Amino acid sequence: MNKKIVVENTLTPFIDYLKSVGYDVYTLNRNVNLKNISTDEYKAIIVSGLDTLSEREAHFNNPPVPIIEAKGRTPQEVQSMIENKLK
């Protein structure tokens, strides 16, 4: 199974945890490179909050992968959400 995910670079506990359970984690620098994700090679994108998605990207179609908000969730809860979306 492809376990490549993108995590906002400010979410260090999530990055560390997801790497420890076998995910190949790529970082998203304040959502600046969100527009570069145009394929489904990643299984999910983890952001600190959906409100952090840049207004300048409002014209951009969402990437073709799930975007998960980490705000108010533990790394384990986010892992569970990713795995449920992979089924």
PDB file of N, CA and C in Angstrom:
ATOM      1  N   MET A   1       0.835  -1.180   0.000  1.00  0.00           N
ATOM      2  CA  MET A   1       0.000   0.000   0.000  1.00  0.00           C
ATOM      3  C   MET A   1       0.881   1.245   0.000  1.00  0.00           C
ATOM      4  N   ASN A   2       0.500   2.217  -0.779  1.00  0.00           N
ATOM      5  CA  ASN A   2       1.212   3.482  -0.842  1.00  0.00           C
ATOM      6  C   ASN A   2       0.873   4.278   0.414  1.00  0.00           C
ATOM      7  N   LYS A   3       1.880   4.602   1.201  1.00  0.00           N
ATOM      8  CA  LYS A   3       1.634   5.319   2.457  1.00  0.00           C
ATOM      9  C   LYS A   3       2.288   6.692   2.438  1.00  0.00           C
ATOM     10  N   LYS A   4       2.249   7.369   1.294  1.00  0.00           N
ATOM     11  CA  LYS A   4       2.801   8.715   1.189  1.00  0.00           C
ATOM     12  C   LYS A   4       1.729   9.722   1.577  1.00  0.00           C
ATOM     13  N   ILE A   5       2.090  10.604   2.513  1.00  0.00           N
ATOM     14  CA  ILE A   5       1.165  11.641   2.935  1.00  0.00           C
ATOM     15  C   ILE A   5       1.913  12.972   3.004  1.00  0.00           C
ATOM     16  N   VAL A   6       1.147  14.049   3.020  1.00  0.00           N
ATOM     17  CA  VAL A   6       1.708  15.392   3.143  1.00  0.00           C
ATOM     18  C   VAL A   6       1.199  15.974   4.454  1.00  0.00           C
ATOM     19  N   VAL A   7       2.118  16.548   5.237  1.00  0.00           N
ATOM     20  CA  VAL A   7       1.753  17.135   6.529  1.00  0.00           C
ATOM     21  C   VAL A   7       2.321  18.545   6.599  1.00  0.00           C
ATOM     22  N   GLU A   8       1.493  19.488   7.039  1.00  0.00           N
ATOM     23  CA  GLU A   8       1.953  20.863   7.214  1.00  0.00           C
ATOM     24  C   GLU A   8       3.181  20.865   8.127  1.00  0.00           C
ATOM     25  N   ASN A   9       4.206  21.598   7.732  1.00  0.00           N
ATOM     26  CA  ASN A   9       5.492  21.532   8.432  1.00  0.00           C
ATOM     27  C   ASN A   9       5.450  22.002   9.888  1.00  0.00           C
ATOM     28  N   THR A  10       4.425  22.692  10.311  1.00  0.00           N
ATOM     29  CA  THR A  10       4.321  23.142  11.699  1.00  0.00           C
ATOM     30  C   THR A  10       3.784  22.055  12.635  1.00  0.00           C
ATOM     31  N   LEU A  11       3.361  20.941  12.080  1.00  0.00           N
ATOM     32  CA  LEU A  11       2.734  19.875  12.871  1.00  0.00           C
ATOM     33  C   LEU A  11       3.751  18.791  13.243  1.00  0.00           C
ATOM     34  N   THR A  12       4.823  19.197  13.897  1.00  0.00           N
ATOM     35  CA  THR A  12       5.926  18.285  14.211  1.00  0.00           C
ATOM     36  C   THR A  12       5.484  17.018  14.941  1.00  0.00           C
ATOM     37  N   PRO A  13       4.624  17.089  15.967  1.00  0.00           N
ATOM     38  CA  PRO A  13       4.215  15.840  16.632  1.00  0.00           C
ATOM     39  C   PRO A  13       3.514  14.865  15.670  1.00  0.00           C
ATOM     40  N   PHE A  14       2.758  15.400  14.729  1.00  0.00           N
ATOM     41  CA  PHE A  14       2.069  14.552  13.755  1.00  0.00           C
ATOM     42  C   PHE A  14       3.069  13.942  12.785  1.00  0.00           C
ATOM     43  N   ILE A  15       4.023  14.750  12.338  1.00  0.00           N
ATOM     44  CA  ILE A  15       5.060  14.254  11.423  1.00  0.00           C
ATOM     45  C   ILE A  15       5.830  13.120  12.090  1.00  0.00           C
ATOM     46  N   ASP A  16       6.289  13.358  13.316  1.00  0.00           N
ATOM     47  CA  ASP A  16       7.074  12.349  14.035  1.00  0.00           C
ATOM     48  C   ASP A  16       6.272  11.072  14.256  1.00  0.00           C
ATOM     49  N   TYR A  17       5.027  11.216  14.687  1.00  0.00           N
ATOM     50  CA  TYR A  17       4.201  10.032  14.959  1.00  0.00           C
ATOM     51  C   TYR A  17       3.919   9.246  13.675  1.00  0.00           C
ATOM     52  N   LEU A  18       3.514   9.935  12.631  1.00  0.00           N
ATOM     53  CA  LEU A  18       3.153   9.236  11.392  1.00  0.00           C
ATOM     54  C   LEU A  18       4.365   8.556  10.769  1.00  0.00           C
ATOM     55  N   LYS A  19       5.547   9.166  10.884  1.00  0.00           N
ATOM     56  CA  LYS A  19       6.766   8.493  10.416  1.00  0.00           C
ATOM     57  C   LYS A  19       7.017   7.240  11.232  1.00  0.00           C
ATOM     58  N   SER A  20       6.773   7.317  12.547  1.00  0.00           N
ATOM     59  CA  SER A  20       7.051   6.178  13.432  1.00  0.00           C
ATOM     60  C   SER A  20       6.142   4.979  13.157  1.00  0.00           C
ATOM     61  N   VAL A  21       4.983   5.219  12.557  1.00  0.00           N
ATOM     62  CA  VAL A  21       4.071   4.111  12.251  1.00  0.00           C
ATOM     63  C   VAL A  21       4.124   3.725  10.774  1.00  0.00           C
ATOM     64  N   GLY A  22       5.145   4.220  10.062  1.00  0.00           N
ATOM     65  CA  GLY A  22       5.397   3.713   8.725  1.00  0.00           C
ATOM     66  C   GLY A  22       4.974   4.574   7.554  1.00  0.00           C
ATOM     67  N   TYR A  23       4.526   5.790   7.799  1.00  0.00           N
ATOM     68  CA  TYR A  23       4.143   6.653   6.685  1.00  0.00           C
ATOM     69  C   TYR A  23       5.367   7.361   6.112  1.00  0.00           C
ATOM     70  N   ASP A  24       5.348   7.560   4.821  1.00  0.00           N
ATOM     71  CA  ASP A  24       6.364   8.332   4.119  1.00  0.00           C
ATOM     72  C   ASP A  24       5.838   9.759   4.091  1.00  0.00           C
ATOM     73  N   VAL A  25       6.381  10.630   4.958  1.00  0.00           N
ATOM     74  CA  VAL A  25       5.826  11.965   5.184  1.00  0.00           C
ATOM     75  C   VAL A  25       6.587  13.025   4.395  1.00  0.00           C
ATOM     76  N   TYR A  26       5.844  13.811   3.653  1.00  0.00           N
ATOM     77  CA  TYR A  26       6.381  14.968   2.943  1.00  0.00           C
ATOM     78  C   TYR A  26       5.779  16.195   3.607  1.00  0.00           C
ATOM     79  N   THR A  27       6.551  17.272   3.711  1.00  0.00           N
ATOM     80  CA  THR A  27       6.040  18.444   4.415  1.00  0.00           C
ATOM     81  C   THR A  27       5.485  19.482   3.454  1.00  0.00           C
ATOM     82  N   LEU A  28       4.500  20.162   3.967  1.00  0.00           N
ATOM     83  CA  LEU A  28       3.826  21.235   3.256  1.00  0.00           C
ATOM     84  C   LEU A  28       4.198  22.524   3.973  1.00  0.00           C
ATOM     85  N   ASN A  29       4.846  23.429   3.263  1.00  0.00           N
ATOM     86  CA  ASN A  29       5.326  24.657   3.875  1.00  0.00           C
ATOM     87  C   ASN A  29       4.241  25.727   3.846  1.00  0.00           C
ATOM     88  N   ARG A  30       3.492  25.825   4.944  1.00  0.00           N
ATOM     89  CA  ARG A  30       2.421  26.829   5.085  1.00  0.00           C
ATOM     90  C   ARG A  30       1.480  26.823   3.885  1.00  0.00           C
ATOM     91  N   ASN A  31       1.240  25.686   3.321  1.00  0.00           N
ATOM     92  CA  ASN A  31       0.306  25.484   2.213  1.00  0.00           C
ATOM     93  C   ASN A  31       0.735  26.164   0.919  1.00  0.00           C
ATOM     94  N   VAL A  32       1.969  26.680   0.870  1.00  0.00           N
ATOM     95  CA  VAL A  32       2.443  27.354  -0.337  1.00  0.00           C
ATOM     96  C   VAL A  32       2.524  26.385  -1.506  1.00  0.00           C
ATOM     97  N   ASN A  33       2.973  25.155  -1.248  1.00  0.00           N
ATOM     98  CA  ASN A  33       3.115  24.209  -2.345  1.00  0.00           C
ATOM     99  C   ASN A  33       1.899  23.304  -2.528  1.00  0.00           C
ATOM    100  N   LEU A  34       0.761  23.666  -1.950  1.00  0.00           N
ATOM    101  CA  LEU A  34      -0.459  22.879  -2.099  1.00  0.00           C
ATOM    102  C   LEU A  34      -0.852  22.749  -3.569  1.00  0.00           C
ATOM    103  N   LYS A  35      -0.667  23.820  -4.329  1.00  0.00           N
ATOM    104  CA  LYS A  35      -1.045  23.778  -5.740  1.00  0.00           C
ATOM    105  C   LYS A  35      -0.197  22.805  -6.551  1.00  0.00           C
ATOM    106  N   ASN A  36       0.948  22.384  -6.012  1.00  0.00           N
ATOM    107  CA  ASN A  36       1.804  21.436  -6.717  1.00  0.00           C
ATOM    108  C   ASN A  36       1.322  19.997  -6.571  1.00  0.00           C
ATOM    109  N   ILE A  37       0.356  19.768  -5.700  1.00  0.00           N
ATOM    110  CA  ILE A  37      -0.182  18.421  -5.505  1.00  0.00           C
ATOM    111  C   ILE A  37      -1.362  18.254  -6.449  1.00  0.00           C
ATOM    112  N   SER A  38      -1.093  17.649  -7.572  1.00  0.00           N
ATOM    113  CA  SER A  38      -2.135  17.541  -8.593  1.00  0.00           C
ATOM    114  C   SER A  38      -2.461  16.105  -8.962  1.00  0.00           C
ATOM    115  N   THR A  39      -1.840  15.151  -8.287  1.00  0.00           N
ATOM    116  CA  THR A  39      -2.137  13.749  -8.552  1.00  0.00           C
ATOM    117  C   THR A  39      -2.537  13.083  -7.241  1.00  0.00           C
ATOM    118  N   ASP A  40      -2.938  11.841  -7.344  1.00  0.00           N
ATOM    119  CA  ASP A  40      -3.340  11.115  -6.135  1.00  0.00           C
ATOM    120  C   ASP A  40      -2.196  10.264  -5.587  1.00  0.00           C
ATOM    121  N   GLU A  41      -0.945  10.666  -5.845  1.00  0.00           N
ATOM    122  CA  GLU A  41       0.185   9.889  -5.337  1.00  0.00           C
ATOM    123  C   GLU A  41       0.255   9.925  -3.814  1.00  0.00           C
ATOM    124  N   TYR A  42      -0.306  10.975  -3.206  1.00  0.00           N
ATOM    125  CA  TYR A  42      -0.368  11.056  -1.748  1.00  0.00           C
ATOM    126  C   TYR A  42      -1.747  10.592  -1.305  1.00  0.00           C
ATOM    127  N   LYS A  43      -1.802   9.981  -0.133  1.00  0.00           N
ATOM    128  CA  LYS A  43      -3.081   9.443   0.339  1.00  0.00           C
ATOM    129  C   LYS A  43      -3.876  10.427   1.179  1.00  0.00           C
ATOM    130  N   ALA A  44      -3.218  11.467   1.692  1.00  0.00           N
ATOM    131  CA  ALA A  44      -3.916  12.482   2.480  1.00  0.00           C
ATOM    132  C   ALA A  44      -3.008  13.687   2.656  1.00  0.00           C
ATOM    133  N   ILE A  45      -3.637  14.813   2.968  1.00  0.00           N
ATOM    134  CA  ILE A  45      -2.921  16.042   3.301  1.00  0.00           C
ATOM    135  C   ILE A  45      -3.410  16.454   4.677  1.00  0.00           C
ATOM    136  N   ILE A  46      -2.465  16.656   5.608  1.00  0.00           N
ATOM    137  CA  ILE A  46      -2.812  17.026   6.975  1.00  0.00           C
ATOM    138  C   ILE A  46      -2.430  18.493   7.176  1.00  0.00           C
ATOM    139  N   VAL A  47      -3.413  19.317   7.542  1.00  0.00           N
ATOM    140  CA  VAL A  47      -3.162  20.736   7.797  1.00  0.00           C
ATOM    141  C   VAL A  47      -3.559  21.061   9.229  1.00  0.00           C
ATOM    142  N   SER A  48      -2.987  22.140   9.770  1.00  0.00           N
ATOM    143  CA  SER A  48      -3.289  22.501  11.163  1.00  0.00           C
ATOM    144  C   SER A  48      -4.758  22.870  11.321  1.00  0.00           C
ATOM    145  N   GLY A  49      -5.288  23.571  10.339  1.00  0.00           N
ATOM    146  CA  GLY A  49      -6.693  23.934  10.347  1.00  0.00           C
ATOM    147  C   GLY A  49      -7.116  24.306   8.948  1.00  0.00           C
ATOM    148  N   LEU A  50      -8.354  24.046   8.635  1.00  0.00           N
ATOM    149  CA  LEU A  50      -8.819  24.362   7.280  1.00  0.00           C
ATOM    150  C   LEU A  50      -8.786  25.860   7.028  1.00  0.00           C
ATOM    151  N   ASP A  51      -8.790  26.654   8.094  1.00  0.00           N
ATOM    152  CA  ASP A  51      -8.693  28.095   7.937  1.00  0.00           C
ATOM    153  C   ASP A  51      -7.296  28.538   7.514  1.00  0.00           C
ATOM    154  N   THR A  52      -6.324  27.631   7.551  1.00  0.00           N
ATOM    155  CA  THR A  52      -4.967  27.981   7.128  1.00  0.00           C
ATOM    156  C   THR A  52      -4.790  27.887   5.626  1.00  0.00           C
ATOM    157  N   LEU A  53      -5.776  27.335   4.939  1.00  0.00           N
ATOM    158  CA  LEU A  53      -5.663  27.266   3.488  1.00  0.00           C
ATOM    159  C   LEU A  53      -5.711  28.680   2.952  1.00  0.00           C
ATOM    160  N   SER A  54      -4.750  29.008   2.170  1.00  0.00           N
ATOM    161  CA  SER A  54      -4.555  30.382   1.719  1.00  0.00           C
ATOM    162  C   SER A  54      -5.706  30.895   0.871  1.00  0.00           C
ATOM    163  N   GLU A  55      -6.076  32.150   1.102  1.00  0.00           N
ATOM    164  CA  GLU A  55      -7.141  32.759   0.289  1.00  0.00           C
ATOM    165  C   GLU A  55      -6.706  32.904  -1.161  1.00  0.00           C
ATOM    166  N   ARG A  56      -5.414  33.063  -1.378  1.00  0.00           N
ATOM    167  CA  ARG A  56      -4.965  33.200  -2.762  1.00  0.00           C
ATOM    168  C   ARG A  56      -5.127  31.906  -3.543  1.00  0.00           C
ATOM    169  N   GLU A  57      -5.367  30.813  -2.836  1.00  0.00           N
ATOM    170  CA  GLU A  57      -5.602  29.528  -3.495  1.00  0.00           C
ATOM    171  C   GLU A  57      -7.096  29.288  -3.709  1.00  0.00           C
ATOM    172  N   ALA A  58      -7.931  30.280  -3.433  1.00  0.00           N
ATOM    173  CA  ALA A  58      -9.382  30.093  -3.501  1.00  0.00           C
ATOM    174  C   ALA A  58      -9.835  29.692  -4.897  1.00  0.00           C
ATOM    175  N   HIS A  59      -9.105  30.108  -5.906  1.00  0.00           N
ATOM    176  CA  HIS A  59      -9.473  29.751  -7.272  1.00  0.00           C
ATOM    177  C   HIS A  59      -9.004  28.347  -7.641  1.00  0.00           C
ATOM    178  N   PHE A  60      -8.156  27.783  -6.795  1.00  0.00           N
ATOM    179  CA  PHE A  60      -7.535  26.487  -7.077  1.00  0.00           C
ATOM    180  C   PHE A  60      -8.471  25.349  -6.687  1.00  0.00           C
ATOM    181  N   ASN A  61      -8.604  24.373  -7.556  1.00  0.00           N
ATOM    182  CA  ASN A  61      -9.396  23.187  -7.215  1.00  0.00           C
ATOM    183  C   ASN A  61      -8.627  22.376  -6.186  1.00  0.00           C
ATOM    184  N   ASN A  62      -9.326  21.843  -5.226  1.00  0.00           N
ATOM    185  CA  ASN A  62      -8.664  21.054  -4.200  1.00  0.00           C
ATOM    186  C   ASN A  62      -7.886  19.910  -4.821  1.00  0.00           C
ATOM    187  N   PRO A  63      -6.780  19.531  -4.185  1.00  0.00           N
ATOM    188  CA  PRO A  63      -6.046  18.372  -4.689  1.00  0.00           C
ATOM    189  C   PRO A  63      -6.950  17.139  -4.652  1.00  0.00           C
ATOM    190  N   PRO A  64      -6.661  16.162  -5.490  1.00  0.00           N
ATOM    191  CA  PRO A  64      -7.529  14.974  -5.577  1.00  0.00           C
ATOM    192  C   PRO A  64      -7.296  13.967  -4.456  1.00  0.00           C
ATOM    193  N   VAL A  65      -6.988  14.450  -3.265  1.00  0.00           N
ATOM    194  CA  VAL A  65      -6.797  13.590  -2.096  1.00  0.00           C
ATOM    195  C   VAL A  65      -7.482  14.243  -0.902  1.00  0.00           C
ATOM    196  N   PRO A  66      -7.820  13.465   0.130  1.00  0.00           N
ATOM    197  CA  PRO A  66      -8.489  14.043   1.296  1.00  0.00           C
ATOM    198  C   PRO A  66      -7.596  15.034   2.041  1.00  0.00           C
ATOM    199  N   ILE A  67      -8.190  16.119   2.504  1.00  0.00           N
ATOM    200  CA  ILE A  67      -7.504  17.070   3.365  1.00  0.00           C
ATOM    201  C   ILE A  67      -8.077  16.878   4.765  1.00  0.00           C
ATOM    202  N   ILE A  68      -7.183  16.607   5.724  1.00  0.00           N
ATOM    203  CA  ILE A  68      -7.607  16.334   7.100  1.00  0.00           C
ATOM    204  C   ILE A  68      -7.113  17.455   8.002  1.00  0.00           C
ATOM    205  N   GLU A  69      -8.021  17.990   8.807  1.00  0.00           N
ATOM    206  CA  GLU A  69      -7.681  19.047   9.747  1.00  0.00           C
ATOM    207  C   GLU A  69      -7.184  18.429  11.052  1.00  0.00           C
ATOM    208  N   ALA A  70      -5.981  18.807  11.478  1.00  0.00           N
ATOM    209  CA  ALA A  70      -5.393  18.256  12.698  1.00  0.00           C
ATOM    210  C   ALA A  70      -5.872  18.968  13.957  1.00  0.00           C
ATOM    211  N   LYS A  71      -6.398  20.160  13.802  1.00  0.00           N
ATOM    212  CA  LYS A  71      -6.810  20.979  14.950  1.00  0.00           C
ATOM    213  C   LYS A  71      -7.778  20.207  15.840  1.00  0.00           C
ATOM    214  N   GLY A  72      -7.417  20.082  17.128  1.00  0.00           N
ATOM    215  CA  GLY A  72      -8.279  19.404  18.088  1.00  0.00           C
ATOM    216  C   GLY A  72      -8.195  17.890  18.049  1.00  0.00           C
ATOM    217  N   ARG A  73      -7.264  17.351  17.282  1.00  0.00           N
ATOM    218  CA  ARG A  73      -7.120  15.894  17.163  1.00  0.00           C
ATOM    219  C   ARG A  73      -5.726  15.464  17.603  1.00  0.00           C
ATOM    220  N   THR A  74      -5.627  14.221  18.038  1.00  0.00           N
ATOM    221  CA  THR A  74      -4.320  13.658  18.373  1.00  0.00           C
ATOM    222  C   THR A  74      -3.725  13.038  17.108  1.00  0.00           C
ATOM    223  N   PRO A  75      -2.404  12.803  17.102  1.00  0.00           N
ATOM    224  CA  PRO A  75      -1.809  12.114  15.952  1.00  0.00           C
ATOM    225  C   PRO A  75      -2.456  10.746  15.705  1.00  0.00           C
ATOM    226  N   GLN A  76      -2.841  10.051  16.766  1.00  0.00           N
ATOM    227  CA  GLN A  76      -3.479   8.742  16.609  1.00  0.00           C
ATOM    228  C   GLN A  76      -4.844   8.871  15.933  1.00  0.00           C
ATOM    229  N   GLU A  77      -5.600   9.910  16.287  1.00  0.00           N
ATOM    230  CA  GLU A  77      -6.906  10.135  15.646  1.00  0.00           C
ATOM    231  C   GLU A  77      -6.728  10.442  14.161  1.00  0.00           C
ATOM    232  N   VAL A  78      -5.708  11.227  13.848  1.00  0.00           N
ATOM    233  CA  VAL A  78      -5.452  11.551  12.443  1.00  0.00           C
ATOM    234  C   VAL A  78      -5.045  10.288  11.679  1.00  0.00           C
ATOM    235  N   GLN A  79      -4.210   9.445  12.295  1.00  0.00           N
ATOM    236  CA  GLN A  79      -3.829   8.187  11.646  1.00  0.00           C
ATOM    237  C   GLN A  79      -5.063   7.339  11.355  1.00  0.00           C
ATOM    238  N   SER A  80      -5.965   7.252  12.305  1.00  0.00           N
ATOM    239  CA  SER A  80      -7.197   6.488  12.119  1.00  0.00           C
ATOM    240  C   SER A  80      -8.020   7.051  10.961  1.00  0.00           C
ATOM    241  N   MET A  81      -8.092   8.376  10.870  1.00  0.00           N
ATOM    242  CA  MET A  81      -8.840   9.007   9.783  1.00  0.00           C
ATOM    243  C   MET A  81      -8.198   8.683   8.428  1.00  0.00           C
ATOM    244  N   ILE A  82      -6.860   8.734   8.372  1.00  0.00           N
ATOM    245  CA  ILE A  82      -6.170   8.415   7.123  1.00  0.00           C
ATOM    246  C   ILE A  82      -6.467   6.977   6.729  1.00  0.00           C
ATOM    247  N   GLU A  83      -6.352   6.067   7.664  1.00  0.00           N
ATOM    248  CA  GLU A  83      -6.547   4.653   7.357  1.00  0.00           C
ATOM    249  C   GLU A  83      -7.994   4.372   6.961  1.00  0.00           C
ATOM    250  N   ASN A  84      -8.957   5.064   7.553  1.00  0.00           N
ATOM    251  CA  ASN A  84     -10.345   4.870   7.167  1.00  0.00           C
ATOM    252  C   ASN A  84     -10.592   5.387   5.745  1.00  0.00           C
ATOM    253  N   LYS A  85      -9.893   6.435   5.347  1.00  0.00           N
ATOM    254  CA  LYS A  85     -10.050   6.977   3.997  1.00  0.00           C
ATOM    255  C   LYS A  85      -9.351   6.110   2.952  1.00  0.00           C
ATOM    256  N   LEU A  86      -8.389   5.301   3.389  1.00  0.00           N
ATOM    257  CA  LEU A  86      -7.650   4.450   2.447  1.00  0.00           C
ATOM    258  C   LEU A  86      -8.426   3.193   2.086  1.00  0.00           C
ATOM    259  N   LYS A  87      -9.466   2.885   2.811  1.00  0.00           N
ATOM    260  CA  LYS A  87     -10.217   1.644   2.573  1.00  0.00           C
ATOM    261  C   LYS A  87     -11.111   1.763   1.368  1.00  0.00           C
TER     262      LYS A  87
END
